[in-house]
């Protein structure tokens, strides 16, 4: 079921764009989790990928499907690997609602990312 929700939904979207709207631009919200435990700071896009859990594996798989659909069919995707995001109802100090920090005090409110995505 996990794969159906997290990977097959991306494939369905990509297939719909391939069949009906090849000019679409998809904005994919991914995660810095793909890098796993940092080997150096600051972590950049050259950092080795080492997904530590199923969520990160799903995100990485989705990114690769989007990349293949661009290469094979020209379906454009902008991938944003978000880090330290929080939303209006998230209790930042509640460990069950996510991890903020990563040796950084930088936190980014979700609204800023949404604005950036809309401008993509």
PDB file of N, CA and C in Angstrom:
ATOM      1  N   UNK A   1       0.818  -1.199   0.000  1.00  0.00           N
ATOM      2  CA  UNK A   1       0.000   0.000   0.000  1.00  0.00           C
ATOM      3  C   UNK A   1       0.862   1.265   0.000  1.00  0.00           C
ATOM      4  N   UNK A   2       1.969   1.221   0.720  1.00  0.00           N
ATOM      5  CA  UNK A   2       2.857   2.373   0.785  1.00  0.00           C
ATOM      6  C   UNK A   2       3.326   2.779  -0.610  1.00  0.00           C
ATOM      7  N   UNK A   3       3.733   1.787  -1.402  1.00  0.00           N
ATOM      8  CA  UNK A   3       4.201   2.076  -2.753  1.00  0.00           C
ATOM      9  C   UNK A   3       3.070   2.627  -3.618  1.00  0.00           C
ATOM     10  N   UNK A   4       1.864   2.110  -3.440  1.00  0.00           N
ATOM     11  CA  UNK A   4       0.725   2.605  -4.225  1.00  0.00           C
ATOM     12  C   UNK A   4       0.484   4.082  -3.975  1.00  0.00           C
ATOM     13  N   UNK A   5       0.556   4.477  -2.726  1.00  0.00           N
ATOM     14  CA  UNK A   5       0.288   5.874  -2.393  1.00  0.00           C
ATOM     15  C   UNK A   5       1.436   6.797  -2.768  1.00  0.00           C
ATOM     16  N   UNK A   6       2.649   6.338  -2.562  1.00  0.00           N
ATOM     17  CA  UNK A   6       3.789   7.240  -2.684  1.00  0.00           C
ATOM     18  C   UNK A   6       4.517   7.203  -4.013  1.00  0.00           C
ATOM     19  N   UNK A   7       4.430   6.137  -4.760  1.00  0.00           N
ATOM     20  CA  UNK A   7       5.139   6.061  -6.039  1.00  0.00           C
ATOM     21  C   UNK A   7       4.161   5.967  -7.204  1.00  0.00           C
ATOM     22  N   UNK A   8       3.205   5.073  -7.104  1.00  0.00           N
ATOM     23  CA  UNK A   8       2.266   4.906  -8.212  1.00  0.00           C
ATOM     24  C   UNK A   8       1.437   6.164  -8.468  1.00  0.00           C
ATOM     25  N   UNK A   9       1.205   6.957  -7.430  1.00  0.00           N
ATOM     26  CA  UNK A   9       0.479   8.214  -7.656  1.00  0.00           C
ATOM     27  C   UNK A   9       1.292   9.161  -8.539  1.00  0.00           C
ATOM     28  N   UNK A  10       2.604   9.157  -8.379  1.00  0.00           N
ATOM     29  CA  UNK A  10       3.465   9.979  -9.249  1.00  0.00           C
ATOM     30  C   UNK A  10       3.428   9.459 -10.683  1.00  0.00           C
ATOM     31  N   UNK A  11       3.474   8.145 -10.825  1.00  0.00           N
ATOM     32  CA  UNK A  11       3.430   7.565 -12.167  1.00  0.00           C
ATOM     33  C   UNK A  11       2.092   7.888 -12.834  1.00  0.00           C
ATOM     34  N   UNK A  12       1.007   7.838 -12.079  1.00  0.00           N
ATOM     35  CA  UNK A  12      -0.315   8.197 -12.631  1.00  0.00           C
ATOM     36  C   UNK A  12      -0.334   9.642 -13.105  1.00  0.00           C
ATOM     37  N   UNK A  13       0.226  10.534 -12.303  1.00  0.00           N
ATOM     38  CA  UNK A  13       0.291  11.947 -12.691  1.00  0.00           C
ATOM     39  C   UNK A  13       1.139  12.124 -13.949  1.00  0.00           C
ATOM     40  N   UNK A  14       2.283  11.493 -13.980  1.00  0.00           N
ATOM     41  CA  UNK A  14       3.167  11.601 -15.139  1.00  0.00           C
ATOM     42  C   UNK A  14       2.523  11.033 -16.402  1.00  0.00           C
ATOM     43  N   UNK A  15       1.835   9.919 -16.258  1.00  0.00           N
ATOM     44  CA  UNK A  15       1.147   9.321 -17.408  1.00  0.00           C
ATOM     45  C   UNK A  15       0.023  10.222 -17.912  1.00  0.00           C
ATOM     46  N   UNK A  16      -0.711  10.836 -16.989  1.00  0.00           N
ATOM     47  CA  UNK A  16      -1.786  11.752 -17.388  1.00  0.00           C
ATOM     48  C   UNK A  16      -1.206  12.944 -18.150  1.00  0.00           C
ATOM     49  N   UNK A  17      -0.087  13.467 -17.675  1.00  0.00           N
ATOM     50  CA  UNK A  17       0.561  14.581 -18.378  1.00  0.00           C
ATOM     51  C   UNK A  17       1.077  14.137 -19.745  1.00  0.00           C
ATOM     52  N   UNK A  18       1.648  12.944 -19.808  1.00  0.00           N
ATOM     53  CA  UNK A  18       2.164  12.437 -21.084  1.00  0.00           C
ATOM     54  C   UNK A  18       1.044  12.302 -22.106  1.00  0.00           C
ATOM     55  N   UNK A  19      -0.112  11.821 -21.663  1.00  0.00           N
ATOM     56  CA  UNK A  19      -1.221  11.590 -22.587  1.00  0.00           C
ATOM     57  C   UNK A  19      -1.993  12.857 -22.924  1.00  0.00           C
ATOM     58  N   UNK A  20      -2.142  13.758 -21.975  1.00  0.00           N
ATOM     59  CA  UNK A  20      -3.066  14.888 -22.154  1.00  0.00           C
ATOM     60  C   UNK A  20      -2.414  16.270 -22.162  1.00  0.00           C
ATOM     61  N   UNK A  21      -1.231  16.422 -21.542  1.00  0.00           N
ATOM     62  CA  UNK A  21      -0.654  17.758 -21.434  1.00  0.00           C
ATOM     63  C   UNK A  21       0.867  17.674 -21.295  1.00  0.00           C
ATOM     64  N   UNK A  22       1.537  17.428 -22.386  1.00  0.00           N
ATOM     65  CA  UNK A  22       3.001  17.304 -22.372  1.00  0.00           C
ATOM     66  C   UNK A  22       3.706  18.615 -22.016  1.00  0.00           C
ATOM     67  N   UNK A  23       2.989  19.732 -22.085  1.00  0.00           N
ATOM     68  CA  UNK A  23       3.577  21.032 -21.761  1.00  0.00           C
ATOM     69  C   UNK A  23       3.477  21.375 -20.281  1.00  0.00           C
ATOM     70  N   UNK A  24       2.911  20.476 -19.486  1.00  0.00           N
ATOM     71  CA  UNK A  24       2.740  20.745 -18.055  1.00  0.00           C
ATOM     72  C   UNK A  24       4.097  20.907 -17.376  1.00  0.00           C
ATOM     73  N   UNK A  25       4.116  21.678 -16.310  1.00  0.00           N
ATOM     74  CA  UNK A  25       5.290  21.807 -15.453  1.00  0.00           C
ATOM     75  C   UNK A  25       4.883  21.309 -14.076  1.00  0.00           C
ATOM     76  N   UNK A  26       5.547  20.279 -13.607  1.00  0.00           N
ATOM     77  CA  UNK A  26       5.241  19.687 -12.313  1.00  0.00           C
ATOM     78  C   UNK A  26       6.246  20.200 -11.293  1.00  0.00           C
ATOM     79  N   UNK A  27       5.771  20.591 -10.126  1.00  0.00           N
ATOM     80  CA  UNK A  27       6.637  20.974  -9.021  1.00  0.00           C
ATOM     81  C   UNK A  27       6.566  19.852  -7.989  1.00  0.00           C
ATOM     82  N   UNK A  28       7.674  19.164  -7.791  1.00  0.00           N
ATOM     83  CA  UNK A  28       7.739  18.011  -6.898  1.00  0.00           C
ATOM     84  C   UNK A  28       8.389  18.419  -5.581  1.00  0.00           C
ATOM     85  N   UNK A  29       7.651  18.255  -4.516  1.00  0.00           N
ATOM     86  CA  UNK A  29       8.171  18.540  -3.182  1.00  0.00           C
ATOM     87  C   UNK A  29       8.872  17.295  -2.659  1.00  0.00           C
ATOM     88  N   UNK A  30      10.193  17.365  -2.548  1.00  0.00           N
ATOM     89  CA  UNK A  30      10.973  16.239  -2.065  1.00  0.00           C
ATOM     90  C   UNK A  30      11.546  16.587  -0.688  1.00  0.00           C
ATOM     91  N   UNK A  31      12.635  15.962  -0.310  1.00  0.00           N
ATOM     92  CA  UNK A  31      13.160  16.157   1.038  1.00  0.00           C
ATOM     93  C   UNK A  31      14.677  16.015   1.079  1.00  0.00           C
ATOM     94  N   UNK A  32      15.294  16.660   2.016  1.00  0.00           N
ATOM     95  CA  UNK A  32      16.732  16.519   2.228  1.00  0.00           C
ATOM     96  C   UNK A  32      17.046  15.163   2.838  1.00  0.00           C
ATOM     97  N   UNK A  33      16.039  14.436   3.280  1.00  0.00           N
ATOM     98  CA  UNK A  33      16.229  13.109   3.851  1.00  0.00           C
ATOM     99  C   UNK A  33      16.967  12.172   2.904  1.00  0.00           C
ATOM    100  N   UNK A  34      16.910  12.451   1.619  1.00  0.00           N
ATOM    101  CA  UNK A  34      17.555  11.590   0.636  1.00  0.00           C
ATOM    102  C   UNK A  34      19.050  11.430   0.893  1.00  0.00           C
ATOM    103  N   UNK A  35      19.646  12.412   1.549  1.00  0.00           N
ATOM    104  CA  UNK A  35      21.083  12.394   1.788  1.00  0.00           C
ATOM    105  C   UNK A  35      21.472  11.551   2.998  1.00  0.00           C
ATOM    106  N   UNK A  36      20.502  11.201   3.846  1.00  0.00           N
ATOM    107  CA  UNK A  36      20.815  10.443   5.047  1.00  0.00           C
ATOM    108  C   UNK A  36      21.628  11.278   6.018  1.00  0.00           C
ATOM    109  N   UNK A  37      22.439  10.610   6.812  1.00  0.00           N
ATOM    110  CA  UNK A  37      23.287  11.307   7.785  1.00  0.00           C
ATOM    111  C   UNK A  37      24.349  12.107   7.040  1.00  0.00           C
ATOM    112  N   UNK A  38      24.443  13.394   7.319  1.00  0.00           N
ATOM    113  CA  UNK A  38      25.400  14.241   6.595  1.00  0.00           C
ATOM    114  C   UNK A  38      26.843  13.772   6.768  1.00  0.00           C
ATOM    115  N   UNK A  39      27.559  13.718   5.668  1.00  0.00           N
ATOM    116  CA  UNK A  39      28.981  13.390   5.698  1.00  0.00           C
ATOM    117  C   UNK A  39      29.834  14.657   5.764  1.00  0.00           C
ATOM    118  N   UNK A  40      29.220  15.797   5.397  1.00  0.00           N
ATOM    119  CA  UNK A  40      29.890  17.089   5.489  1.00  0.00           C
ATOM    120  C   UNK A  40      28.826  18.179   5.484  1.00  0.00           C
ATOM    121  N   UNK A  41      29.238  19.381   5.909  1.00  0.00           N
ATOM    122  CA  UNK A  41      28.340  20.538   5.938  1.00  0.00           C
ATOM    123  C   UNK A  41      28.962  21.674   5.149  1.00  0.00           C
ATOM    124  N   UNK A  42      28.212  22.512   4.515  1.00  0.00           N
ATOM    125  CA  UNK A  42      26.779  22.319   4.295  1.00  0.00           C
ATOM    126  C   UNK A  42      26.543  21.209   3.274  1.00  0.00           C
ATOM    127  N   UNK A  43      25.440  20.519   3.435  1.00  0.00           N
ATOM    128  CA  UNK A  43      25.062  19.469   2.499  1.00  0.00           C
ATOM    129  C   UNK A  43      24.627  20.132   1.194  1.00  0.00           C
ATOM    130  N   UNK A  44      25.169  19.673   0.080  1.00  0.00           N
ATOM    131  CA  UNK A  44      24.800  20.226  -1.219  1.00  0.00           C
ATOM    132  C   UNK A  44      24.329  19.093  -2.130  1.00  0.00           C
ATOM    133  N   UNK A  45      24.027  19.403  -3.370  1.00  0.00           N
ATOM    134  CA  UNK A  45      23.494  18.392  -4.284  1.00  0.00           C
ATOM    135  C   UNK A  45      24.536  17.364  -4.727  1.00  0.00           C
ATOM    136  N   UNK A  46      25.807  17.606  -4.421  1.00  0.00           N
ATOM    137  CA  UNK A  46      26.852  16.617  -4.737  1.00  0.00           C
ATOM    138  C   UNK A  46      26.996  15.583  -3.617  1.00  0.00           C
ATOM    139  N   UNK A  47      26.347  15.835  -2.492  1.00  0.00           N
ATOM    140  CA  UNK A  47      26.425  14.912  -1.355  1.00  0.00           C
ATOM    141  C   UNK A  47      25.884  13.538  -1.759  1.00  0.00           C
ATOM    142  N   UNK A  48      26.531  12.449  -1.332  1.00  0.00           N
ATOM    143  CA  UNK A  48      26.023  11.109  -1.669  1.00  0.00           C
ATOM    144  C   UNK A  48      24.598  10.893  -1.155  1.00  0.00           C
ATOM    145  N   UNK A  49      23.802  10.197  -1.951  1.00  0.00           N
ATOM    146  CA  UNK A  49      22.438   9.855  -1.544  1.00  0.00           C
ATOM    147  C   UNK A  49      22.478   8.580  -0.707  1.00  0.00           C
ATOM    148  N   UNK A  50      21.772   8.600   0.424  1.00  0.00           N
ATOM    149  CA  UNK A  50      21.735   7.446   1.321  1.00  0.00           C
ATOM    150  C   UNK A  50      20.420   7.474   2.088  1.00  0.00           C
ATOM    151  N   UNK A  51      19.293   7.204   1.399  1.00  0.00           N
ATOM    152  CA  UNK A  51      17.990   7.308   2.047  1.00  0.00           C
ATOM    153  C   UNK A  51      17.892   6.388   3.268  1.00  0.00           C
ATOM    154  N   UNK A  52      17.599   6.941   4.449  1.00  0.00           N
ATOM    155  CA  UNK A  52      17.625   6.150   5.678  1.00  0.00           C
ATOM    156  C   UNK A  52      16.331   5.409   6.011  1.00  0.00           C
ATOM    157  N   UNK A  53      15.251   5.708   5.300  1.00  0.00           N
ATOM    158  CA  UNK A  53      13.982   5.068   5.647  1.00  0.00           C
ATOM    159  C   UNK A  53      13.078   4.977   4.415  1.00  0.00           C
ATOM    160  N   UNK A  54      11.910   4.374   4.609  1.00  0.00           N
ATOM    161  CA  UNK A  54      10.988   4.134   3.499  1.00  0.00           C
ATOM    162  C   UNK A  54      10.509   5.436   2.875  1.00  0.00           C
ATOM    163  N   UNK A  55      10.252   6.457   3.676  1.00  0.00           N
ATOM    164  CA  UNK A  55       9.806   7.735   3.122  1.00  0.00           C
ATOM    165  C   UNK A  55      10.848   8.299   2.165  1.00  0.00           C
ATOM    166  N   UNK A  56      12.103   8.277   2.565  1.00  0.00           N
ATOM    167  CA  UNK A  56      13.169   8.805   1.711  1.00  0.00           C
ATOM    168  C   UNK A  56      13.339   7.955   0.454  1.00  0.00           C
ATOM    169  N   UNK A  57      13.189   6.635   0.573  1.00  0.00           N
ATOM    170  CA  UNK A  57      13.272   5.760  -0.598  1.00  0.00           C
ATOM    171  C   UNK A  57      12.144   6.099  -1.574  1.00  0.00           C
ATOM    172  N   UNK A  58      10.941   6.328  -1.055  1.00  0.00           N
ATOM    173  CA  UNK A  58       9.811   6.705  -1.911  1.00  0.00           C
ATOM    174  C   UNK A  58      10.065   8.031  -2.613  1.00  0.00           C
ATOM    175  N   UNK A  59      10.582   9.006  -1.889  1.00  0.00           N
ATOM    176  CA  UNK A  59      10.865  10.316  -2.482  1.00  0.00           C
ATOM    177  C   UNK A  59      11.921  10.187  -3.586  1.00  0.00           C
ATOM    178  N   UNK A  60      12.984   9.422  -3.312  1.00  0.00           N
ATOM    179  CA  UNK A  60      14.039   9.254  -4.312  1.00  0.00           C
ATOM    180  C   UNK A  60      13.511   8.527  -5.542  1.00  0.00           C
ATOM    181  N   UNK A  61      12.719   7.490  -5.326  1.00  0.00           N
ATOM    182  CA  UNK A  61      12.113   6.766  -6.454  1.00  0.00           C
ATOM    183  C   UNK A  61      11.250   7.699  -7.286  1.00  0.00           C
ATOM    184  N   UNK A  62      10.468   8.529  -6.626  1.00  0.00           N
ATOM    185  CA  UNK A  62       9.610   9.487  -7.337  1.00  0.00           C
ATOM    186  C   UNK A  62      10.447  10.447  -8.165  1.00  0.00           C
ATOM    187  N   UNK A  63      11.537  10.942  -7.585  1.00  0.00           N
ATOM    188  CA  UNK A  63      12.420  11.845  -8.334  1.00  0.00           C
ATOM    189  C   UNK A  63      12.941  11.168  -9.601  1.00  0.00           C
ATOM    190  N   UNK A  64      13.345   9.907  -9.474  1.00  0.00           N
ATOM    191  CA  UNK A  64      13.870   9.190 -10.639  1.00  0.00           C
ATOM    192  C   UNK A  64      12.800   8.975 -11.709  1.00  0.00           C
ATOM    193  N   UNK A  65      11.568   8.704 -11.304  1.00  0.00           N
ATOM    194  CA  UNK A  65      10.494   8.580 -12.297  1.00  0.00           C
ATOM    195  C   UNK A  65      10.273   9.900 -13.022  1.00  0.00           C
ATOM    196  N   UNK A  66      10.279  11.004 -12.289  1.00  0.00           N
ATOM    197  CA  UNK A  66      10.106  12.310 -12.927  1.00  0.00           C
ATOM    198  C   UNK A  66      11.261  12.588 -13.894  1.00  0.00           C
ATOM    199  N   UNK A  67      12.470  12.242 -13.499  1.00  0.00           N
ATOM    200  CA  UNK A  67      13.623  12.433 -14.374  1.00  0.00           C
ATOM    201  C   UNK A  67      13.484  11.597 -15.645  1.00  0.00           C
ATOM    202  N   UNK A  68      13.062  10.355 -15.526  1.00  0.00           N
ATOM    203  CA  UNK A  68      12.893   9.500 -16.699  1.00  0.00           C
ATOM    204  C   UNK A  68      11.794  10.014 -17.628  1.00  0.00           C
ATOM    205  N   UNK A  69      10.709  10.511 -17.060  1.00  0.00           N
ATOM    206  CA  UNK A  69       9.637  11.046 -17.907  1.00  0.00           C
ATOM    207  C   UNK A  69      10.086  12.319 -18.617  1.00  0.00           C
ATOM    208  N   UNK A  70      10.994  13.072 -18.007  1.00  0.00           N
ATOM    209  CA  UNK A  70      11.556  14.221 -18.715  1.00  0.00           C
ATOM    210  C   UNK A  70      12.424  13.730 -19.876  1.00  0.00           C
ATOM    211  N   UNK A  71      13.293  12.781 -19.587  1.00  0.00           N
ATOM    212  CA  UNK A  71      14.205  12.275 -20.622  1.00  0.00           C
ATOM    213  C   UNK A  71      13.452  11.603 -21.775  1.00  0.00           C
ATOM    214  N   UNK A  72      12.431  10.829 -21.449  1.00  0.00           N
ATOM    215  CA  UNK A  72      11.724  10.054 -22.478  1.00  0.00           C
ATOM    216  C   UNK A  72      10.598  10.807 -23.167  1.00  0.00           C
ATOM    217  N   UNK A  73       9.911  11.701 -22.438  1.00  0.00           N
ATOM    218  CA  UNK A  73       8.712  12.338 -22.999  1.00  0.00           C
ATOM    219  C   UNK A  73       8.722  13.862 -22.912  1.00  0.00           C
ATOM    220  N   UNK A  74       9.742  14.439 -22.304  1.00  0.00           N
ATOM    221  CA  UNK A  74       9.819  15.889 -22.201  1.00  0.00           C
ATOM    222  C   UNK A  74       8.918  16.492 -21.129  1.00  0.00           C
ATOM    223  N   UNK A  75       8.396  15.683 -20.210  1.00  0.00           N
ATOM    224  CA  UNK A  75       7.558  16.207 -19.120  1.00  0.00           C
ATOM    225  C   UNK A  75       8.484  16.900 -18.124  1.00  0.00           C
ATOM    226  N   UNK A  76       8.302  18.209 -17.981  1.00  0.00           N
ATOM    227  CA  UNK A  76       9.193  19.008 -17.133  1.00  0.00           C
ATOM    228  C   UNK A  76       8.782  18.922 -15.668  1.00  0.00           C
ATOM    229  N   UNK A  77       9.775  18.786 -14.793  1.00  0.00           N
ATOM    230  CA  UNK A  77       9.552  18.765 -13.352  1.00  0.00           C
ATOM    231  C   UNK A  77      10.619  19.604 -12.675  1.00  0.00           C
ATOM    232  N   UNK A  78      10.199  20.428 -11.737  1.00  0.00           N
ATOM    233  CA  UNK A  78      11.108  21.140 -10.849  1.00  0.00           C
ATOM    234  C   UNK A  78      11.054  20.389  -9.526  1.00  0.00           C
ATOM    235  N   UNK A  79      12.213  19.962  -9.044  1.00  0.00           N
ATOM    236  CA  UNK A  79      12.267  19.216  -7.783  1.00  0.00           C
ATOM    237  C   UNK A  79      12.862  20.116  -6.712  1.00  0.00           C
ATOM    238  N   UNK A  80      12.120  20.276  -5.631  1.00  0.00           N
ATOM    239  CA  UNK A  80      12.581  21.069  -4.492  1.00  0.00           C
ATOM    240  C   UNK A  80      12.815  20.128  -3.320  1.00  0.00           C
ATOM    241  N   UNK A  81      14.048  20.026  -2.873  1.00  0.00           N
ATOM    242  CA  UNK A  81      14.367  19.204  -1.706  1.00  0.00           C
ATOM    243  C   UNK A  81      14.310  20.094  -0.468  1.00  0.00           C
ATOM    244  N   UNK A  82      13.172  20.050   0.176  1.00  0.00           N
ATOM    245  CA  UNK A  82      12.908  20.932   1.310  1.00  0.00           C
ATOM    246  C   UNK A  82      13.610  20.445   2.571  1.00  0.00           C
ATOM    247  N   UNK A  83      13.961  21.396   3.418  1.00  0.00           N
ATOM    248  CA  UNK A  83      14.591  21.068   4.692  1.00  0.00           C
ATOM    249  C   UNK A  83      14.119  22.026   5.767  1.00  0.00           C
ATOM    250  N   UNK A  84      13.960  21.511   6.962  1.00  0.00           N
ATOM    251  CA  UNK A  84      13.576  22.310   8.131  1.00  0.00           C
ATOM    252  C   UNK A  84      12.317  23.134   7.906  1.00  0.00           C
ATOM    253  N   UNK A  85      11.332  22.539   7.255  1.00  0.00           N
ATOM    254  CA  UNK A  85      10.066  23.244   7.058  1.00  0.00           C
ATOM    255  C   UNK A  85       9.136  22.959   8.222  1.00  0.00           C
ATOM    256  N   UNK A  86       8.302  23.933   8.506  1.00  0.00           N
ATOM    257  CA  UNK A  86       7.270  23.748   9.515  1.00  0.00           C
ATOM    258  C   UNK A  86       6.041  24.515   9.082  1.00  0.00           C
ATOM    259  N   UNK A  87       4.902  24.090   9.586  1.00  0.00           N
ATOM    260  CA  UNK A  87       3.639  24.718   9.213  1.00  0.00           C
ATOM    261  C   UNK A  87       2.980  25.400  10.382  1.00  0.00           C
ATOM    262  N   UNK A  88       1.836  26.032  10.124  1.00  0.00           N
ATOM    263  CA  UNK A  88       1.189  26.856  11.151  1.00  0.00           C
ATOM    264  C   UNK A  88       0.694  26.070  12.364  1.00  0.00           C
ATOM    265  N   UNK A  89       0.380  24.799  12.218  1.00  0.00           N
ATOM    266  CA  UNK A  89      -0.135  24.030  13.357  1.00  0.00           C
ATOM    267  C   UNK A  89       0.873  23.027  13.898  1.00  0.00           C
ATOM    268  N   UNK A  90       2.113  23.115  13.459  1.00  0.00           N
ATOM    269  CA  UNK A  90       3.126  22.180  13.938  1.00  0.00           C
ATOM    270  C   UNK A  90       3.699  22.659  15.260  1.00  0.00           C
ATOM    271  N   UNK A  91       3.760  21.761  16.207  1.00  0.00           N
ATOM    272  CA  UNK A  91       4.383  22.055  17.490  1.00  0.00           C
ATOM    273  C   UNK A  91       5.872  21.760  17.348  1.00  0.00           C
ATOM    274  N   UNK A  92       6.644  22.790  17.169  1.00  0.00           N
ATOM    275  CA  UNK A  92       8.057  22.627  16.825  1.00  0.00           C
ATOM    276  C   UNK A  92       8.810  21.811  17.871  1.00  0.00           C
ATOM    277  N   UNK A  93       8.448  21.945  19.125  1.00  0.00           N
ATOM    278  CA  UNK A  93       9.187  21.230  20.175  1.00  0.00           C
ATOM    279  C   UNK A  93       8.666  19.818  20.403  1.00  0.00           C
ATOM    280  N   UNK A  94       7.637  19.403  19.670  1.00  0.00           N
ATOM    281  CA  UNK A  94       7.071  18.070  19.812  1.00  0.00           C
ATOM    282  C   UNK A  94       7.790  17.127  18.863  1.00  0.00           C
ATOM    283  N   UNK A  95       8.575  16.195  19.410  1.00  0.00           N
ATOM    284  CA  UNK A  95       9.372  15.286  18.573  1.00  0.00           C
ATOM    285  C   UNK A  95       8.509  14.437  17.644  1.00  0.00           C
ATOM    286  N   UNK A  96       7.263  14.209  18.008  1.00  0.00           N
ATOM    287  CA  UNK A  96       6.400  13.389  17.162  1.00  0.00           C
ATOM    288  C   UNK A  96       5.954  14.131  15.904  1.00  0.00           C
ATOM    289  N   UNK A  97       6.119  15.431  15.863  1.00  0.00           N
ATOM    290  CA  UNK A  97       5.677  16.212  14.708  1.00  0.00           C
ATOM    291  C   UNK A  97       6.826  16.616  13.810  1.00  0.00           C
ATOM    292  N   UNK A  98       7.917  15.951  13.907  1.00  0.00           N
ATOM    293  CA  UNK A  98       8.993  16.236  12.961  1.00  0.00           C
ATOM    294  C   UNK A  98      10.255  16.719  13.622  1.00  0.00           C
ATOM    295  N   UNK A  99      11.330  16.639  12.876  1.00  0.00           N
ATOM    296  CA  UNK A  99      12.658  16.982  13.348  1.00  0.00           C
ATOM    297  C   UNK A  99      13.066  18.307  12.721  1.00  0.00           C
ATOM    298  N   UNK A 100      13.446  19.220  13.559  1.00  0.00           N
ATOM    299  CA  UNK A 100      13.986  20.488  13.074  1.00  0.00           C
ATOM    300  C   UNK A 100      15.380  20.654  13.646  1.00  0.00           C
ATOM    301  N   UNK A 101      16.267  21.144  12.877  1.00  0.00           N
ATOM    302  CA  UNK A 101      17.584  21.400  13.402  1.00  0.00           C
ATOM    303  C   UNK A 101      18.683  21.058  12.444  1.00  0.00           C
ATOM    304  N   UNK A 102      19.098  19.806  12.388  1.00  0.00           N
ATOM    305  CA  UNK A 102      20.179  19.333  11.537  1.00  0.00           C
ATOM    306  C   UNK A 102      21.408  20.197  11.721  1.00  0.00           C
ATOM    307  N   UNK A 103      21.771  20.403  12.998  1.00  0.00           N
ATOM    308  CA  UNK A 103      22.889  21.267  13.385  1.00  0.00           C
ATOM    309  C   UNK A 103      22.716  22.680  12.824  1.00  0.00           C
ATOM    310  N   UNK A 104      21.487  23.117  12.796  1.00  0.00           N
ATOM    311  CA  UNK A 104      21.202  24.440  12.248  1.00  0.00           C
ATOM    312  C   UNK A 104      20.026  25.026  13.002  1.00  0.00           C
ATOM    313  N   UNK A 105      20.039  26.308  13.206  1.00  0.00           N
ATOM    314  CA  UNK A 105      18.889  26.963  13.827  1.00  0.00           C
ATOM    315  C   UNK A 105      17.942  27.508  12.768  1.00  0.00           C
ATOM    316  N   UNK A 106      18.267  27.272  11.509  1.00  0.00           N
ATOM    317  CA  UNK A 106      17.426  27.766  10.421  1.00  0.00           C
ATOM    318  C   UNK A 106      16.138  26.957  10.330  1.00  0.00           C
ATOM    319  N   UNK A 107      15.024  27.646  10.300  1.00  0.00           N
ATOM    320  CA  UNK A 107      13.723  27.012  10.116  1.00  0.00           C
ATOM    321  C   UNK A 107      12.982  27.812   9.062  1.00  0.00           C
ATOM    322  N   UNK A 108      12.227  27.115   8.235  1.00  0.00           N
ATOM    323  CA  UNK A 108      11.568  27.773   7.124  1.00  0.00           C
ATOM    324  C   UNK A 108      10.079  27.464   7.162  1.00  0.00           C
ATOM    325  N   UNK A 109       9.278  28.504   7.239  1.00  0.00           N
ATOM    326  CA  UNK A 109       7.831  28.315   7.289  1.00  0.00           C
ATOM    327  C   UNK A 109       7.330  27.836   5.935  1.00  0.00           C
ATOM    328  N   UNK A 110       6.398  26.934   5.980  1.00  0.00           N
ATOM    329  CA  UNK A 110       5.841  26.323   4.785  1.00  0.00           C
ATOM    330  C   UNK A 110       5.350  27.358   3.770  1.00  0.00           C
ATOM    331  N   UNK A 111       4.807  28.470   4.230  1.00  0.00           N
ATOM    332  CA  UNK A 111       4.271  29.488   3.310  1.00  0.00           C
ATOM    333  C   UNK A 111       5.347  30.017   2.359  1.00  0.00           C
ATOM    334  N   UNK A 112       6.572  30.137   2.829  1.00  0.00           N
ATOM    335  CA  UNK A 112       7.656  30.590   1.962  1.00  0.00           C
ATOM    336  C   UNK A 112       7.938  29.596   0.850  1.00  0.00           C
ATOM    337  N   UNK A 113       7.870  28.319   1.171  1.00  0.00           N
ATOM    338  CA  UNK A 113       8.089  27.296   0.153  1.00  0.00           C
ATOM    339  C   UNK A 113       6.946  27.256  -0.852  1.00  0.00           C
ATOM    340  N   UNK A 114       5.732  27.406  -0.363  1.00  0.00           N
ATOM    341  CA  UNK A 114       4.579  27.409  -1.266  1.00  0.00           C
ATOM    342  C   UNK A 114       4.700  28.572  -2.243  1.00  0.00           C
ATOM    343  N   UNK A 115       5.081  29.727  -1.742  1.00  0.00           N
ATOM    344  CA  UNK A 115       5.277  30.895  -2.610  1.00  0.00           C
ATOM    345  C   UNK A 115       6.341  30.618  -3.667  1.00  0.00           C
ATOM    346  N   UNK A 116       7.457  30.002  -3.257  1.00  0.00           N
ATOM    347  CA  UNK A 116       8.526  29.675  -4.220  1.00  0.00           C
ATOM    348  C   UNK A 116       8.032  28.670  -5.252  1.00  0.00           C
ATOM    349  N   UNK A 117       7.236  27.701  -4.825  1.00  0.00           N
ATOM    350  CA  UNK A 117       6.720  26.707  -5.757  1.00  0.00           C
ATOM    351  C   UNK A 117       5.796  27.334  -6.795  1.00  0.00           C
ATOM    352  N   UNK A 118       4.993  28.272  -6.355  1.00  0.00           N
ATOM    353  CA  UNK A 118       4.074  28.918  -7.288  1.00  0.00           C
ATOM    354  C   UNK A 118       4.807  29.763  -8.311  1.00  0.00           C
ATOM    355  N   UNK A 119       5.999  30.234  -7.965  1.00  0.00           N
ATOM    356  CA  UNK A 119       6.786  31.047  -8.895  1.00  0.00           C
ATOM    357  C   UNK A 119       7.609  30.184  -9.843  1.00  0.00           C
ATOM    358  N   UNK A 120       7.715  28.878  -9.567  1.00  0.00           N
ATOM    359  CA  UNK A 120       8.552  27.987 -10.388  1.00  0.00           C
ATOM    360  C   UNK A 120       8.032  27.870 -11.801  1.00  0.00           C
TER     361      UNK A 120
END
